[in-house]
Amino acid sequence: MSDSSRSPREVIAEVMAPAVHNWNSPHYLDSADAVLEALRSNGFVVVPREPTEAMVDAADCIGYHVTCGRRFTRSELRREWSEMLSVWECLSTNPDREGE
């Protein structure tokens, strides 16, 4: 499970660290902000690979249902999230597979 206490900005700055000498510099945090804004303005967001407890709580709270009408269990919500991300990753690296 990812550390949900870290913001996408902090994660991006840390991932950029190998390419820079002092990743704590405000300049590199500004770069992370620019990356996040570029993603947002193009319809993307940065999300954790594993849903946080707050995300699962929100999905459960709104009564997220499967087709048959029964509620997902919390473990099913987590699995669905992971499967959706896996499909997105597959399609984003293999665009010719869309529609399969």
Protein backbone atom coordinates (compact mmCIF):
# COMPACT_ATOMS: atom_id res chain seq x y z
CA MET A 1 0.00 0.00 0.00
CA SER A 2 1.33 3.45 -0.84
CA ASP A 3 2.06 6.11 1.77
CA SER A 4 -1.11 8.19 1.47
CA SER A 5 0.35 10.91 3.70
CA ARG A 6 2.59 12.04 0.84
CA SER A 7 1.13 14.36 -1.76
CA PRO A 8 1.54 13.73 -5.50
CA ARG A 9 3.70 16.86 -5.52
CA GLU A 10 6.09 15.33 -2.98
CA VAL A 11 6.19 12.00 -4.81
CA ILE A 12 6.92 13.68 -8.16
CA ALA A 13 9.66 15.77 -6.56
CA GLU A 14 11.20 12.65 -5.01
CA VAL A 15 11.00 10.71 -8.29
CA MET A 16 12.81 13.62 -9.95
CA ALA A 17 15.53 13.44 -7.26
CA PRO A 18 17.96 11.16 -9.16
CA ALA A 19 18.14 13.74 -11.93
CA VAL A 20 18.87 16.65 -9.60
CA HIS A 21 21.29 17.41 -6.78
CA ASN A 22 18.99 18.99 -4.18
CA TRP A 23 15.40 17.81 -4.57
CA ASN A 24 14.25 19.76 -1.49
CA SER A 25 14.87 22.96 -3.36
CA PRO A 26 11.68 25.00 -3.94
CA HIS A 27 12.64 25.04 -7.64
CA TYR A 28 12.05 21.29 -7.93
CA LEU A 29 8.77 21.48 -6.02
CA ASP A 30 7.72 24.17 -8.51
CA SER A 31 8.61 21.73 -11.29
CA ALA A 32 6.44 19.08 -9.62
CA ASP A 33 3.60 21.61 -9.44
CA ALA A 34 4.03 22.33 -13.16
CA VAL A 35 3.85 18.61 -13.96
CA LEU A 36 0.67 18.23 -11.89
CA GLU A 37 -0.93 21.26 -13.56
CA ALA A 38 0.00 20.00 -17.03
CA LEU A 39 -1.61 16.66 -16.21
CA ARG A 40 -4.75 18.32 -14.80
CA SER A 41 -5.14 20.62 -17.78
CA ASN A 42 -5.01 17.58 -20.07
CA GLY A 43 -7.67 15.68 -18.14
CA PHE A 44 -5.44 13.52 -15.97
CA VAL A 45 -4.89 13.18 -12.24
CA VAL A 46 -2.29 11.41 -10.16
CA VAL A 47 -3.82 8.68 -8.05
CA PRO A 48 -2.35 6.02 -5.79
CA ARG A 49 -1.99 2.52 -7.21
CA GLU A 50 -3.86 1.16 -4.19
CA PRO A 51 -6.97 3.05 -3.04
CA THR A 52 -6.65 4.82 0.28
CA GLU A 53 -9.06 4.07 3.10
CA ALA A 54 -10.74 7.43 2.40
CA MET A 55 -11.30 6.42 -1.24
CA VAL A 56 -12.81 3.08 -0.22
CA ASP A 57 -14.95 4.83 2.39
CA ALA A 58 -16.24 7.27 -0.23
CA ALA A 59 -17.09 4.51 -2.70
CA ASP A 60 -18.82 2.56 0.05
CA CYS A 61 -20.66 5.65 1.29
CA ILE A 62 -22.22 6.40 -2.11
CA GLY A 63 -23.35 2.79 -2.36
CA TYR A 64 -21.22 1.71 -5.31
CA HIS A 65 -23.01 -1.37 -6.68
CA VAL A 66 -22.19 -4.16 -9.06
CA THR A 67 -24.50 -4.89 -11.97
CA CYS A 68 -26.51 -7.44 -10.00
CA GLY A 69 -27.43 -4.78 -7.44
CA ARG A 70 -25.48 -5.98 -4.43
CA ARG A 71 -22.90 -3.74 -2.79
CA PHE A 72 -19.21 -4.34 -3.33
CA THR A 73 -17.29 -5.45 -0.26
CA ARG A 74 -14.33 -3.28 0.68
CA SER A 75 -11.92 -5.88 -0.73
CA GLU A 76 -13.92 -5.98 -3.98
CA LEU A 77 -13.73 -2.16 -4.20
CA ARG A 78 -9.95 -2.35 -3.85
CA ARG A 79 -9.72 -5.11 -6.48
CA GLU A 80 -11.94 -3.16 -8.93
CA TRP A 81 -9.74 -0.08 -8.50
CA SER A 82 -6.60 -2.11 -9.19
CA GLU A 83 -8.16 -3.76 -12.24
CA MET A 84 -9.23 -0.40 -13.69
CA LEU A 85 -5.71 0.96 -13.27
CA SER A 86 -4.23 -2.18 -14.84
CA VAL A 87 -6.47 -1.82 -17.88
CA TRP A 88 -5.55 1.88 -18.16
CA GLU A 89 -1.83 1.06 -17.98
CA CYS A 90 -2.19 -1.66 -20.58
CA LEU A 91 -4.12 0.57 -22.97
CA SER A 92 -1.83 3.55 -22.44
CA THR A 93 1.21 1.47 -23.39
CA ASN A 94 -0.59 -0.57 -26.09
CA PRO A 95 -3.15 1.78 -27.71
CA ASP A 96 -3.87 -0.77 -30.46
CA ARG A 97 -5.53 -3.00 -27.81
CA GLU A 98 -8.33 -0.54 -27.02
CA GLY A 99 -11.73 -2.14 -27.49
CA GLU A 100 -10.55 -5.67 -26.66
